[in-house]
Amino acid sequence: MRACFGPSASTQTGWMPQSEARCVVCGLADSIRRHIGVCAGRTQGWTDAQVVMPLVLLNLAGGDCVDALRMLEGDEGFTRVLRRAEIRGLPRKERREQERRWRKERKRAIPSPSVVFRYLSAFNSPAEEAKRAVGRAFIPAPNEHLRGLGRVNRDVLRSAQQEAPQREATLDQDATLTETHKAEALPGYQGYKAYQPLTTYWAEQELVAHSEFRDGNVPAGFENLRVLKETLGALPEGVAKVYYRSDTAVYQRELLRYCAEGQNERFGVIEFAVGVDVTAEFKRAVSEVAESEWRPLDRLVEGTPARTEQQWAEVCFVPSWVAYR
C-alpha cells in the first residue's frame, strides 16, 4: 500500500494516511452507521463501519479481491491508524460500548476475508435472483442494505460539495467490462466472462456520482435513462446546471429527448455530447463538409497539447426521428 501521510485535525489522534483523514473529515463512518444496517441491533462483533471502511481503503490502495485484506492487516502502522480513526469523535460512552462488543481481547483491526464474504452476502437479494431467465439481461432490484450504500455515496457527494461548492456538474457515463473467472459470471460482448458496471462520474468534483454493478451480458445501453435520473437525484444542493456525456450506447431517443426537452424538473435542459452510430445518412452528411472546415484534433498528454493524426469538423446532421413523436 502506498503511504501518504498528513497531519490530522486533532493532535490527540496523531498522524494518519491522507485517504483515511479524508474519510474521517467527510463523516464516512457515521454515514455508514446510519444507512447500511447489516449489523444493526448486534451487540457483539464487527460493526458496519469496521467492515466497510477497510473495503473502501483497500479499493483506494488498488486491491482487487477480499483476500487482499490480509495485506492491510499485516501493516502494523496502518492498523494502528485505523483503530484510532474508528473512535475519533465518538463520545466516551460509545467508545466503551464498542470495546464491549468483544468477549475476548480484540486482536485484529480488520475483519478476516471469511467475515467480509459473509457480510457482503447481506447485499444480495435471493428473491430477485430467482427472477433471472436464461438469455435475458437482468438487473436485480437493490435490497435495503444496497440502497443504504447509495445513500452513503450521496452523503459523500454532499460533503465534497460543502468543501468545494460547484454550480455545474458534468456527468460522464460509461460501462466497463471487468474480466473475471468466477463460475457464475456471464460473457460480455467481447466473448469472455466479465461484469460490466455502469458508472457515472462527476467531473468537477472528481467523484463517482452513481455506480451500478451489472452482469457481463447486460448491454451498455440498458436502462440508461433510469440511471441518469437516479444520478440527477443524487446531486447535492448548489448544483444548478448539468452537462452529460456518453458514447454511442446512450444514443437513445427517449434519453436524448429527456435531456433536450428539459423534462427534469430541477435542472431543465441538459446539454449533452453523445456518440452516434455511423449510418449511411450520417456518412453522406460528413462527406458534404468542405475540406477547409476540418481541423486537427489535439489531445492533452500530461497537461501538454499533443497533435494527433485525427481531425474534427462540425457536421450538420439532424436524424429524421427528431421530427416525430
C-alpha atoms as a PDB file:
ATOM      1  CA  MET A   1       0.000   0.000   0.000  1.00  0.00           C
ATOM      2  CA  ARG A   2       1.345   3.413  -0.917  1.00  0.00           C
ATOM      3  CA  ALA A   3       1.788   5.538   2.219  1.00  0.00           C
ATOM      4  CA  CYS A   4       0.752   9.188   2.107  1.00  0.00           C
ATOM      5  CA  PHE A   5       0.760  10.945   5.455  1.00  0.00           C
ATOM      6  CA  GLY A   6      -0.504  14.305   6.636  1.00  0.00           C
ATOM      7  CA  PRO A   7      -1.422  15.894   9.992  1.00  0.00           C
ATOM      8  CA  SER A   8      -4.829  15.169  11.452  1.00  0.00           C
ATOM      9  CA  ALA A   9      -7.175  17.907  12.648  1.00  0.00           C
ATOM     10  CA  SER A  10      -6.528  16.956  16.274  1.00  0.00           C
ATOM     11  CA  THR A  11      -3.196  16.322  17.967  1.00  0.00           C
ATOM     12  CA  GLN A  12      -4.931  13.686  20.105  1.00  0.00           C
ATOM     13  CA  THR A  13      -5.063  11.248  17.200  1.00  0.00           C
ATOM     14  CA  GLY A  14      -1.519  11.697  15.901  1.00  0.00           C
ATOM     15  CA  TRP A  15      -0.932  11.179  12.180  1.00  0.00           C
ATOM     16  CA  MET A  16      -2.963   9.272   9.653  1.00  0.00           C
ATOM     17  CA  PRO A  17      -2.856   8.433   5.926  1.00  0.00           C
ATOM     18  CA  GLN A  18      -4.312  11.203   3.777  1.00  0.00           C
ATOM     19  CA  SER A  19      -7.070   8.965   2.368  1.00  0.00           C
ATOM     20  CA  GLU A  20      -8.045   7.897   5.892  1.00  0.00           C
ATOM     21  CA  ALA A  21      -8.094  11.526   7.058  1.00  0.00           C
ATOM     22  CA  ARG A  22     -10.438  12.468   4.223  1.00  0.00           C
ATOM     23  CA  CYS A  23     -12.775   9.589   5.120  1.00  0.00           C
ATOM     24  CA  VAL A  24     -12.913  10.859   8.708  1.00  0.00           C
ATOM     25  CA  VAL A  25     -13.439  14.510   7.739  1.00  0.00           C
ATOM     26  CA  CYS A  26     -16.326  13.745   5.363  1.00  0.00           C
ATOM     27  CA  GLY A  27     -18.069  11.659   8.038  1.00  0.00           C
ATOM     28  CA  LEU A  28     -17.976   8.434   6.036  1.00  0.00           C
ATOM     29  CA  ALA A  29     -18.031   6.141   9.069  1.00  0.00           C
ATOM     30  CA  ASP A  30     -21.004   7.999  10.569  1.00  0.00           C
ATOM     31  CA  SER A  31     -22.863   7.750   7.259  1.00  0.00           C
ATOM     32  CA  ILE A  32     -22.204   4.000   7.103  1.00  0.00           C
ATOM     33  CA  ARG A  33     -23.560   3.582  10.638  1.00  0.00           C
ATOM     34  CA  ARG A  34     -26.738   5.497   9.756  1.00  0.00           C
ATOM     35  CA  HIS A  35     -27.598   3.973   6.412  1.00  0.00           C
ATOM     36  CA  ILE A  36     -26.378   0.416   5.866  1.00  0.00           C
ATOM     37  CA  GLY A  37     -27.617  -1.502   8.900  1.00  0.00           C
ATOM     38  CA  VAL A  38     -26.332  -5.018   8.192  1.00  0.00           C
ATOM     39  CA  CYS A  39     -25.004  -5.164  11.763  1.00  0.00           C
ATOM     40  CA  ALA A  40     -27.768  -3.064  13.291  1.00  0.00           C
ATOM     41  CA  GLY A  41     -29.026  -4.496  16.586  1.00  0.00           C
ATOM     42  CA  ARG A  42     -25.958  -6.651  17.132  1.00  0.00           C
ATOM     43  CA  THR A  43     -24.148  -6.047  20.401  1.00  0.00           C
ATOM     44  CA  GLN A  44     -21.092  -8.136  19.596  1.00  0.00           C
ATOM     45  CA  GLY A  45     -18.637  -8.462  16.747  1.00  0.00           C
ATOM     46  CA  TRP A  46     -17.783  -6.125  13.905  1.00  0.00           C
ATOM     47  CA  THR A  47     -19.830  -3.028  13.106  1.00  0.00           C
ATOM     48  CA  ASP A  48     -20.846  -1.895   9.616  1.00  0.00           C
ATOM     49  CA  ALA A  49     -18.226   0.845   9.654  1.00  0.00           C
ATOM     50  CA  GLN A  50     -15.486  -1.577  10.755  1.00  0.00           C
ATOM     51  CA  VAL A  51     -16.207  -3.792   7.737  1.00  0.00           C
ATOM     52  CA  VAL A  52     -16.939  -1.215   5.048  1.00  0.00           C
ATOM     53  CA  MET A  53     -14.152   1.269   5.835  1.00  0.00           C
ATOM     54  CA  PRO A  54     -11.327  -1.269   5.221  1.00  0.00           C
ATOM     55  CA  LEU A  55     -13.011  -2.225   1.924  1.00  0.00           C
ATOM     56  CA  VAL A  56     -13.058   1.421   0.847  1.00  0.00           C
ATOM     57  CA  LEU A  57      -9.396   1.827   1.780  1.00  0.00           C
ATOM     58  CA  LEU A  58      -8.493  -1.467   0.077  1.00  0.00           C
ATOM     59  CA  ASN A  59     -10.054  -0.123  -3.110  1.00  0.00           C
ATOM     60  CA  LEU A  60      -8.041   3.099  -2.812  1.00  0.00           C
ATOM     61  CA  ALA A  61      -4.880   1.023  -2.337  1.00  0.00           C
ATOM     62  CA  GLY A  62      -5.539  -0.909  -5.549  1.00  0.00           C
ATOM     63  CA  GLY A  63      -6.708  -4.187  -4.003  1.00  0.00           C
ATOM     64  CA  ASP A  64      -8.782  -6.354  -6.322  1.00  0.00           C
ATOM     65  CA  CYS A  65     -10.060  -9.102  -4.011  1.00  0.00           C
ATOM     66  CA  VAL A  66     -11.203  -9.623  -0.428  1.00  0.00           C
ATOM     67  CA  ASP A  67      -8.159 -11.797   0.336  1.00  0.00           C
ATOM     68  CA  ALA A  68      -6.002  -8.680  -0.101  1.00  0.00           C
ATOM     69  CA  LEU A  69      -7.330  -7.526   3.280  1.00  0.00           C
ATOM     70  CA  ARG A  70      -4.661  -9.802   4.782  1.00  0.00           C
ATOM     71  CA  MET A  71      -2.026  -7.416   3.404  1.00  0.00           C
ATOM     72  CA  LEU A  72      -3.646  -4.446   5.143  1.00  0.00           C
ATOM     73  CA  GLU A  73      -3.870  -6.391   8.398  1.00  0.00           C
ATOM     74  CA  GLY A  74      -0.162  -7.153   8.105  1.00  0.00           C
ATOM     75  CA  ASP A  75       0.729  -3.448   8.059  1.00  0.00           C
ATOM     76  CA  GLU A  76       1.192  -2.615  11.741  1.00  0.00           C
ATOM     77  CA  GLY A  77       1.307   1.149  11.238  1.00  0.00           C
ATOM     78  CA  PHE A  78      -1.817   1.163   9.102  1.00  0.00           C
ATOM     79  CA  THR A  79      -3.822  -0.922  11.570  1.00  0.00           C
ATOM     80  CA  ARG A  80      -2.846   1.379  14.448  1.00  0.00           C
ATOM     81  CA  VAL A  81      -4.091   4.380  12.482  1.00  0.00           C
ATOM     82  CA  LEU A  82      -7.293   2.558  11.540  1.00  0.00           C
ATOM     83  CA  ARG A  83      -8.091   1.789  15.166  1.00  0.00           C
ATOM     84  CA  ARG A  84      -7.590   5.437  16.085  1.00  0.00           C
ATOM     85  CA  ALA A  85      -9.885   6.518  13.254  1.00  0.00           C
ATOM     86  CA  GLU A  86     -12.633   4.159  14.480  1.00  0.00           C
ATOM     87  CA  ILE A  87     -13.076   6.029  17.751  1.00  0.00           C
ATOM     88  CA  ARG A  88     -12.318   9.536  16.521  1.00  0.00           C
ATOM     89  CA  GLY A  89     -15.125  11.876  17.576  1.00  0.00           C
ATOM     90  CA  LEU A  90     -17.073   9.208  19.491  1.00  0.00           C
ATOM     91  CA  PRO A  91     -18.360  10.092  22.979  1.00  0.00           C
ATOM     92  CA  ARG A  92     -16.789   8.105  25.833  1.00  0.00           C
ATOM     93  CA  LYS A  93     -19.950   6.032  26.291  1.00  0.00           C
ATOM     94  CA  GLU A  94     -19.951   4.890  22.669  1.00  0.00           C
ATOM     95  CA  ARG A  95     -16.241   4.099  22.819  1.00  0.00           C
ATOM     96  CA  ARG A  96     -16.820   1.813  25.789  1.00  0.00           C
ATOM     97  CA  GLU A  97     -19.779   0.147  24.073  1.00  0.00           C
ATOM     98  CA  GLN A  98     -17.579  -0.540  21.079  1.00  0.00           C
ATOM     99  CA  GLU A  99     -14.915  -2.103  23.310  1.00  0.00           C
ATOM    100  CA  ARG A 100     -17.518  -4.345  24.973  1.00  0.00           C
ATOM    101  CA  ARG A 101     -18.509  -5.854  21.607  1.00  0.00           C
ATOM    102  CA  TRP A 102     -15.619  -8.309  22.034  1.00  0.00           C
ATOM    103  CA  ARG A 103     -15.794 -11.100  24.615  1.00  0.00           C
ATOM    104  CA  LYS A 104     -12.035 -11.626  24.387  1.00  0.00           C
ATOM    105  CA  GLU A 105      -9.270  -9.207  23.583  1.00  0.00           C
ATOM    106  CA  ARG A 106      -9.642  -7.933  20.045  1.00  0.00           C
ATOM    107  CA  LYS A 107      -6.507  -8.842  18.092  1.00  0.00           C
ATOM    108  CA  ARG A 108      -7.448  -7.760  14.569  1.00  0.00           C
ATOM    109  CA  ALA A 109      -8.004  -4.249  13.228  1.00  0.00           C
ATOM    110  CA  ILE A 110      -9.568  -5.560  10.007  1.00  0.00           C
ATOM    111  CA  PRO A 111     -12.140  -8.362   9.616  1.00  0.00           C
ATOM    112  CA  SER A 112     -10.926 -11.605   8.074  1.00  0.00           C
ATOM    113  CA  PRO A 113     -11.825 -12.349   4.429  1.00  0.00           C
ATOM    114  CA  SER A 114     -14.333 -15.016   5.559  1.00  0.00           C
ATOM    115  CA  VAL A 115     -16.143 -12.497   7.786  1.00  0.00           C
ATOM    116  CA  VAL A 116     -16.263  -9.995   4.921  1.00  0.00           C
ATOM    117  CA  PHE A 117     -17.612 -12.600   2.491  1.00  0.00           C
ATOM    118  CA  ARG A 118     -20.471 -13.358   4.879  1.00  0.00           C
ATOM    119  CA  TYR A 119     -21.089  -9.660   5.363  1.00  0.00           C
ATOM    120  CA  LEU A 120     -21.257  -8.967   1.617  1.00  0.00           C
ATOM    121  CA  SER A 121     -23.866 -11.698   1.164  1.00  0.00           C
ATOM    122  CA  ALA A 122     -26.320  -9.409   3.004  1.00  0.00           C
ATOM    123  CA  PHE A 123     -26.353  -7.135  -0.048  1.00  0.00           C
ATOM    124  CA  ASN A 124     -27.670  -9.976  -2.200  1.00  0.00           C
ATOM    125  CA  SER A 125     -31.399 -10.493  -2.684  1.00  0.00           C
ATOM    126  CA  PRO A 126     -32.352 -14.187  -3.214  1.00  0.00           C
ATOM    127  CA  ALA A 127     -35.897 -13.205  -4.219  1.00  0.00           C
ATOM    128  CA  GLU A 128     -34.540 -11.021  -7.002  1.00  0.00           C
ATOM    129  CA  GLU A 129     -32.016 -13.635  -8.129  1.00  0.00           C
ATOM    130  CA  ALA A 130     -34.883 -16.089  -8.593  1.00  0.00           C
ATOM    131  CA  LYS A 131     -36.283 -13.827 -11.329  1.00  0.00           C
ATOM    132  CA  ARG A 132     -33.353 -14.444 -13.653  1.00  0.00           C
ATOM    133  CA  ALA A 133     -34.056 -16.016 -17.036  1.00  0.00           C
ATOM    134  CA  VAL A 134     -31.602 -17.602 -19.462  1.00  0.00           C
ATOM    135  CA  GLY A 135     -30.618 -15.340 -22.330  1.00  0.00           C
ATOM    136  CA  ARG A 136     -32.181 -12.186 -20.864  1.00  0.00           C
ATOM    137  CA  ALA A 137     -30.431  -9.129 -19.476  1.00  0.00           C
ATOM    138  CA  PHE A 138     -31.380  -8.679 -15.847  1.00  0.00           C
ATOM    139  CA  ILE A 139     -30.544  -6.178 -13.107  1.00  0.00           C
ATOM    140  CA  PRO A 140     -31.761  -7.241  -9.628  1.00  0.00           C
ATOM    141  CA  ALA A 141     -33.589  -4.584  -7.649  1.00  0.00           C
ATOM    142  CA  PRO A 142     -31.400  -3.448  -4.713  1.00  0.00           C
ATOM    143  CA  ASN A 143     -32.348  -4.579  -1.211  1.00  0.00           C
ATOM    144  CA  GLU A 144     -32.413  -2.228   1.787  1.00  0.00           C
ATOM    145  CA  HIS A 145     -28.691  -2.577   2.510  1.00  0.00           C
ATOM    146  CA  LEU A 146     -27.678  -1.841  -1.076  1.00  0.00           C
ATOM    147  CA  ARG A 147     -29.983   1.173  -1.148  1.00  0.00           C
ATOM    148  CA  GLY A 148     -28.319   2.298   2.068  1.00  0.00           C
ATOM    149  CA  LEU A 149     -24.938   2.140   0.351  1.00  0.00           C
ATOM    150  CA  GLY A 150     -26.318   4.504  -2.277  1.00  0.00           C
ATOM    151  CA  ARG A 151     -27.336   6.934   0.465  1.00  0.00           C
ATOM    152  CA  VAL A 152     -23.796   6.774   1.819  1.00  0.00           C
ATOM    153  CA  ASN A 153     -22.492   7.855  -1.575  1.00  0.00           C
ATOM    154  CA  ARG A 154     -24.940  10.782  -1.549  1.00  0.00           C
ATOM    155  CA  ASP A 155     -23.517  11.873   1.791  1.00  0.00           C
ATOM    156  CA  VAL A 156     -20.011  11.795   0.299  1.00  0.00           C
ATOM    157  CA  LEU A 157     -21.155  13.980  -2.609  1.00  0.00           C
ATOM    158  CA  ARG A 158     -22.809  16.382  -0.195  1.00  0.00           C
ATOM    159  CA  SER A 159     -19.652  16.599   1.896  1.00  0.00           C
ATOM    160  CA  ALA A 160     -17.498  17.304  -1.163  1.00  0.00           C
ATOM    161  CA  GLN A 161     -19.932  19.985  -2.291  1.00  0.00           C
ATOM    162  CA  GLN A 162     -19.761  21.683   1.098  1.00  0.00           C
ATOM    163  CA  GLU A 163     -15.968  21.658   0.985  1.00  0.00           C
ATOM    164  CA  ALA A 164     -15.674  22.855  -2.638  1.00  0.00           C
ATOM    165  CA  PRO A 165     -19.047  24.113  -3.976  1.00  0.00           C
ATOM    166  CA  GLN A 166     -19.692  23.611  -7.693  1.00  0.00           C
ATOM    167  CA  ARG A 167     -22.596  25.118  -9.625  1.00  0.00           C
ATOM    168  CA  GLU A 168     -22.067  22.783 -12.572  1.00  0.00           C
ATOM    169  CA  ALA A 169     -21.990  19.007 -12.854  1.00  0.00           C
ATOM    170  CA  THR A 170     -20.528  17.459 -15.986  1.00  0.00           C
ATOM    171  CA  LEU A 171     -21.614  13.829 -15.897  1.00  0.00           C
ATOM    172  CA  ASP A 172     -19.656  11.205 -17.812  1.00  0.00           C
ATOM    173  CA  GLN A 173     -21.462   7.856 -18.016  1.00  0.00           C
ATOM    174  CA  ASP A 174     -19.808   4.686 -19.239  1.00  0.00           C
ATOM    175  CA  ALA A 175     -19.941   0.912 -18.818  1.00  0.00           C
ATOM    176  CA  THR A 176     -16.687  -1.006 -18.354  1.00  0.00           C
ATOM    177  CA  LEU A 177     -16.065  -4.718 -18.887  1.00  0.00           C
ATOM    178  CA  THR A 178     -14.144  -6.267 -15.985  1.00  0.00           C
ATOM    179  CA  GLU A 179     -12.894  -9.764 -16.778  1.00  0.00           C
ATOM    180  CA  THR A 180     -13.421 -12.459 -14.164  1.00  0.00           C
ATOM    181  CA  HIS A 181     -13.064 -16.216 -13.830  1.00  0.00           C
ATOM    182  CA  LYS A 182     -15.983 -16.738 -11.459  1.00  0.00           C
ATOM    183  CA  ALA A 183     -18.101 -19.726 -12.462  1.00  0.00           C
ATOM    184  CA  GLU A 184     -21.415 -17.853 -12.245  1.00  0.00           C
ATOM    185  CA  ALA A 185     -20.222 -14.878 -14.322  1.00  0.00           C
ATOM    186  CA  LEU A 186     -21.695 -14.346 -17.790  1.00  0.00           C
ATOM    187  CA  PRO A 187     -19.837 -13.493 -21.018  1.00  0.00           C
ATOM    188  CA  GLY A 188     -19.859  -9.907 -22.252  1.00  0.00           C
ATOM    189  CA  TYR A 189     -19.971  -8.665 -25.840  1.00  0.00           C
ATOM    190  CA  GLN A 190     -16.260  -9.421 -26.302  1.00  0.00           C
ATOM    191  CA  GLY A 191     -16.811 -13.101 -25.535  1.00  0.00           C
ATOM    192  CA  TYR A 192     -15.086 -13.548 -22.170  1.00  0.00           C
ATOM    193  CA  LYS A 193     -16.677 -13.814 -18.720  1.00  0.00           C
ATOM    194  CA  ALA A 194     -16.995 -10.423 -17.129  1.00  0.00           C
ATOM    195  CA  TYR A 195     -19.004  -7.979 -15.091  1.00  0.00           C
ATOM    196  CA  GLN A 196     -19.989  -4.670 -16.645  1.00  0.00           C
ATOM    197  CA  PRO A 197     -20.649  -1.948 -14.052  1.00  0.00           C
ATOM    198  CA  LEU A 198     -22.242   1.266 -15.320  1.00  0.00           C
ATOM    199  CA  THR A 199     -20.600   4.244 -13.637  1.00  0.00           C
ATOM    200  CA  THR A 200     -21.377   7.961 -13.800  1.00  0.00           C
ATOM    201  CA  TYR A 201     -18.566  10.350 -12.911  1.00  0.00           C
ATOM    202  CA  TRP A 202     -18.919  13.968 -11.751  1.00  0.00           C
ATOM    203  CA  ALA A 203     -16.002  15.724 -13.445  1.00  0.00           C
ATOM    204  CA  GLU A 204     -15.902  18.937 -11.399  1.00  0.00           C
ATOM    205  CA  GLN A 205     -15.734  17.062  -8.077  1.00  0.00           C
ATOM    206  CA  GLU A 206     -13.686  14.165  -9.483  1.00  0.00           C
ATOM    207  CA  LEU A 207     -16.039  11.709  -7.795  1.00  0.00           C
ATOM    208  CA  VAL A 208     -18.318   8.826  -8.739  1.00  0.00           C
ATOM    209  CA  ALA A 209     -21.852  10.182  -8.598  1.00  0.00           C
ATOM    210  CA  HIS A 210     -23.541   6.828  -9.276  1.00  0.00           C
ATOM    211  CA  SER A 211     -22.474   3.254  -9.969  1.00  0.00           C
ATOM    212  CA  GLU A 212     -24.484   0.137 -10.697  1.00  0.00           C
ATOM    213  CA  PHE A 213     -22.937  -3.335 -10.677  1.00  0.00           C
ATOM    214  CA  ARG A 214     -24.110  -5.399 -13.664  1.00  0.00           C
ATOM    215  CA  ASP A 215     -23.581  -8.818 -15.219  1.00  0.00           C
ATOM    216  CA  GLY A 216     -21.366  -9.017 -18.275  1.00  0.00           C
ATOM    217  CA  ASN A 217     -24.258  -9.822 -20.611  1.00  0.00           C
ATOM    218  CA  VAL A 218     -26.192  -6.642 -19.744  1.00  0.00           C
ATOM    219  CA  PRO A 219     -25.907  -4.278 -22.750  1.00  0.00           C
ATOM    220  CA  ALA A 220     -24.131  -0.993 -22.099  1.00  0.00           C
ATOM    221  CA  GLY A 221     -27.262   0.891 -23.201  1.00  0.00           C
ATOM    222  CA  PHE A 222     -29.662  -0.971 -20.900  1.00  0.00           C
ATOM    223  CA  GLU A 223     -31.854   1.317 -18.718  1.00  0.00           C
ATOM    224  CA  ASN A 224     -29.508   4.289 -19.052  1.00  0.00           C
ATOM    225  CA  LEU A 225     -32.297   6.844 -18.601  1.00  0.00           C
ATOM    226  CA  ARG A 226     -33.225   5.353 -15.233  1.00  0.00           C
ATOM    227  CA  VAL A 227     -29.598   5.540 -14.143  1.00  0.00           C
ATOM    228  CA  LEU A 228     -29.327   9.153 -15.326  1.00  0.00           C
ATOM    229  CA  LYS A 229     -32.447  10.100 -13.346  1.00  0.00           C
ATOM    230  CA  GLU A 230     -31.065   8.414 -10.223  1.00  0.00           C
ATOM    231  CA  THR A 231     -27.769  10.273 -10.674  1.00  0.00           C
ATOM    232  CA  LEU A 232     -29.513  13.623 -11.044  1.00  0.00           C
ATOM    233  CA  GLY A 233     -31.458  12.910  -7.862  1.00  0.00           C
ATOM    234  CA  ALA A 234     -28.188  12.273  -6.013  1.00  0.00           C
ATOM    235  CA  LEU A 235     -26.583  15.615  -6.888  1.00  0.00           C
ATOM    236  CA  PRO A 236     -26.357  17.860  -3.804  1.00  0.00           C
ATOM    237  CA  GLU A 237     -27.760  21.348  -3.352  1.00  0.00           C
ATOM    238  CA  GLY A 238     -25.916  24.133  -5.106  1.00  0.00           C
ATOM    239  CA  VAL A 239     -25.684  22.397  -8.476  1.00  0.00           C
ATOM    240  CA  ALA A 240     -27.665  24.496 -10.955  1.00  0.00           C
ATOM    241  CA  LYS A 241     -26.514  23.254 -14.363  1.00  0.00           C
ATOM    242  CA  VAL A 242     -25.856  19.743 -15.656  1.00  0.00           C
ATOM    243  CA  TYR A 243     -23.983  18.587 -18.745  1.00  0.00           C
ATOM    244  CA  TYR A 244     -23.988  14.980 -19.926  1.00  0.00           C
ATOM    245  CA  ARG A 245     -21.505  12.928 -21.971  1.00  0.00           C
ATOM    246  CA  SER A 246     -21.533   9.327 -23.116  1.00  0.00           C
ATOM    247  CA  ASP A 247     -20.716   7.112 -26.079  1.00  0.00           C
ATOM    248  CA  THR A 248     -22.931   5.543 -28.742  1.00  0.00           C
ATOM    249  CA  ALA A 249     -24.534   3.181 -26.196  1.00  0.00           C
ATOM    250  CA  VAL A 250     -26.584   6.167 -24.982  1.00  0.00           C
ATOM    251  CA  TYR A 251     -27.780   7.234 -28.432  1.00  0.00           C
ATOM    252  CA  GLN A 252     -31.385   6.531 -27.422  1.00  0.00           C
ATOM    253  CA  ARG A 253     -34.358   8.647 -28.412  1.00  0.00           C
ATOM    254  CA  GLU A 254     -36.081   8.585 -25.035  1.00  0.00           C
ATOM    255  CA  LEU A 255     -32.937   9.651 -23.156  1.00  0.00           C
ATOM    256  CA  LEU A 256     -31.949  12.366 -25.632  1.00  0.00           C
ATOM    257  CA  ARG A 257     -35.465  13.835 -25.620  1.00  0.00           C
ATOM    258  CA  TYR A 258     -35.413  13.822 -21.817  1.00  0.00           C
ATOM    259  CA  CYS A 259     -32.276  15.960 -21.872  1.00  0.00           C
ATOM    260  CA  ALA A 260     -33.107  18.220 -24.821  1.00  0.00           C
ATOM    261  CA  GLU A 261     -36.709  18.952 -23.825  1.00  0.00           C
ATOM    262  CA  GLY A 262     -35.877  19.845 -20.219  1.00  0.00           C
ATOM    263  CA  GLN A 263     -38.037  17.113 -18.710  1.00  0.00           C
ATOM    264  CA  ASN A 264     -36.085  17.133 -15.453  1.00  0.00           C
ATOM    265  CA  GLU A 265     -37.906  19.478 -13.079  1.00  0.00           C
ATOM    266  CA  ARG A 266     -34.791  20.558 -11.194  1.00  0.00           C
ATOM    267  CA  PHE A 267     -32.239  21.088 -13.962  1.00  0.00           C
ATOM    268  CA  GLY A 268     -34.337  21.694 -17.069  1.00  0.00           C
ATOM    269  CA  VAL A 269     -32.489  21.329 -20.356  1.00  0.00           C
ATOM    270  CA  ILE A 270     -29.378  19.163 -20.042  1.00  0.00           C
ATOM    271  CA  GLU A 271     -26.859  19.863 -22.785  1.00  0.00           C
ATOM    272  CA  PHE A 272     -25.238  16.656 -23.990  1.00  0.00           C
ATOM    273  CA  ALA A 273     -22.482  15.214 -26.145  1.00  0.00           C
ATOM    274  CA  VAL A 274     -23.352  11.661 -27.180  1.00  0.00           C
ATOM    275  CA  GLY A 275     -21.772   9.430 -29.801  1.00  0.00           C
ATOM    276  CA  VAL A 276     -23.847   8.468 -32.828  1.00  0.00           C
ATOM    277  CA  ASP A 277     -23.792   5.342 -34.952  1.00  0.00           C
ATOM    278  CA  VAL A 278     -22.226   5.881 -38.381  1.00  0.00           C
ATOM    279  CA  THR A 279     -25.251   5.326 -40.609  1.00  0.00           C
ATOM    280  CA  ALA A 280     -25.353   5.825 -44.377  1.00  0.00           C
ATOM    281  CA  GLU A 281     -27.164   9.136 -43.873  1.00  0.00           C
ATOM    282  CA  PHE A 282     -24.547  10.350 -41.403  1.00  0.00           C
ATOM    283  CA  LYS A 283     -21.722   9.370 -43.745  1.00  0.00           C
ATOM    284  CA  ARG A 284     -23.366  11.368 -46.505  1.00  0.00           C
ATOM    285  CA  ALA A 285     -23.606  14.438 -44.261  1.00  0.00           C
ATOM    286  CA  VAL A 286     -19.931  14.108 -43.328  1.00  0.00           C
ATOM    287  CA  SER A 287     -18.883  13.840 -46.976  1.00  0.00           C
ATOM    288  CA  GLU A 288     -20.582  17.168 -47.681  1.00  0.00           C
ATOM    289  CA  VAL A 289     -18.324  19.040 -45.238  1.00  0.00           C
ATOM    290  CA  ALA A 290     -15.787  21.169 -47.094  1.00  0.00           C
ATOM    291  CA  GLU A 291     -12.126  20.178 -46.735  1.00  0.00           C
ATOM    292  CA  SER A 292     -11.321  23.614 -45.361  1.00  0.00           C
ATOM    293  CA  GLU A 293     -13.674  23.038 -42.407  1.00  0.00           C
ATOM    294  CA  TRP A 294     -11.631  20.176 -40.948  1.00  0.00           C
ATOM    295  CA  ARG A 295      -9.326  20.987 -38.020  1.00  0.00           C
ATOM    296  CA  PRO A 296      -6.534  18.944 -36.391  1.00  0.00           C
ATOM    297  CA  LEU A 297      -7.503  17.189 -33.158  1.00  0.00           C
ATOM    298  CA  ASP A 298      -5.157  17.779 -30.242  1.00  0.00           C
ATOM    299  CA  ARG A 299      -5.148  15.757 -27.024  1.00  0.00           C
ATOM    300  CA  LEU A 300      -3.736  16.613 -23.628  1.00  0.00           C
ATOM    301  CA  VAL A 301      -0.800  14.368 -22.687  1.00  0.00           C
ATOM    302  CA  GLU A 302       0.354  15.045 -19.123  1.00  0.00           C
ATOM    303  CA  GLY A 303      -1.126  18.526 -19.369  1.00  0.00           C
ATOM    304  CA  THR A 304       0.517  19.391 -22.691  1.00  0.00           C
ATOM    305  CA  PRO A 305      -1.395  19.564 -26.036  1.00  0.00           C
ATOM    306  CA  ALA A 306      -0.198  16.877 -28.448  1.00  0.00           C
ATOM    307  CA  ARG A 307      -1.072  16.717 -32.148  1.00  0.00           C
ATOM    308  CA  THR A 308      -2.784  13.539 -33.387  1.00  0.00           C
ATOM    309  CA  GLU A 309      -3.487  12.210 -36.872  1.00  0.00           C
ATOM    310  CA  GLN A 310      -7.208  12.791 -36.336  1.00  0.00           C
ATOM    311  CA  GLN A 311      -9.333  15.739 -37.427  1.00  0.00           C
ATOM    312  CA  TRP A 312     -12.692  17.180 -36.441  1.00  0.00           C
ATOM    313  CA  ALA A 313     -15.386  19.316 -38.033  1.00  0.00           C
ATOM    314  CA  GLU A 314     -18.919  20.448 -37.280  1.00  0.00           C
ATOM    315  CA  VAL A 315     -21.410  18.329 -39.220  1.00  0.00           C
ATOM    316  CA  CYS A 316     -24.964  19.495 -39.774  1.00  0.00           C
ATOM    317  CA  PHE A 317     -26.914  16.279 -39.370  1.00  0.00           C
ATOM    318  CA  VAL A 318     -30.448  16.041 -37.986  1.00  0.00           C
ATOM    319  CA  PRO A 319     -31.827  12.486 -37.837  1.00  0.00           C
ATOM    320  CA  SER A 320     -35.361  12.082 -39.131  1.00  0.00           C
ATOM    321  CA  TRP A 321     -36.711  10.719 -35.824  1.00  0.00           C
ATOM    322  CA  VAL A 322     -36.209  14.116 -34.181  1.00  0.00           C
ATOM    323  CA  ALA A 323     -39.178  15.472 -36.132  1.00  0.00           C
ATOM    324  CA  TYR A 324     -41.520  12.725 -34.936  1.00  0.00           C
ATOM    325  CA  ARG A 325     -43.044  11.744 -31.617  1.00  0.00           C
END
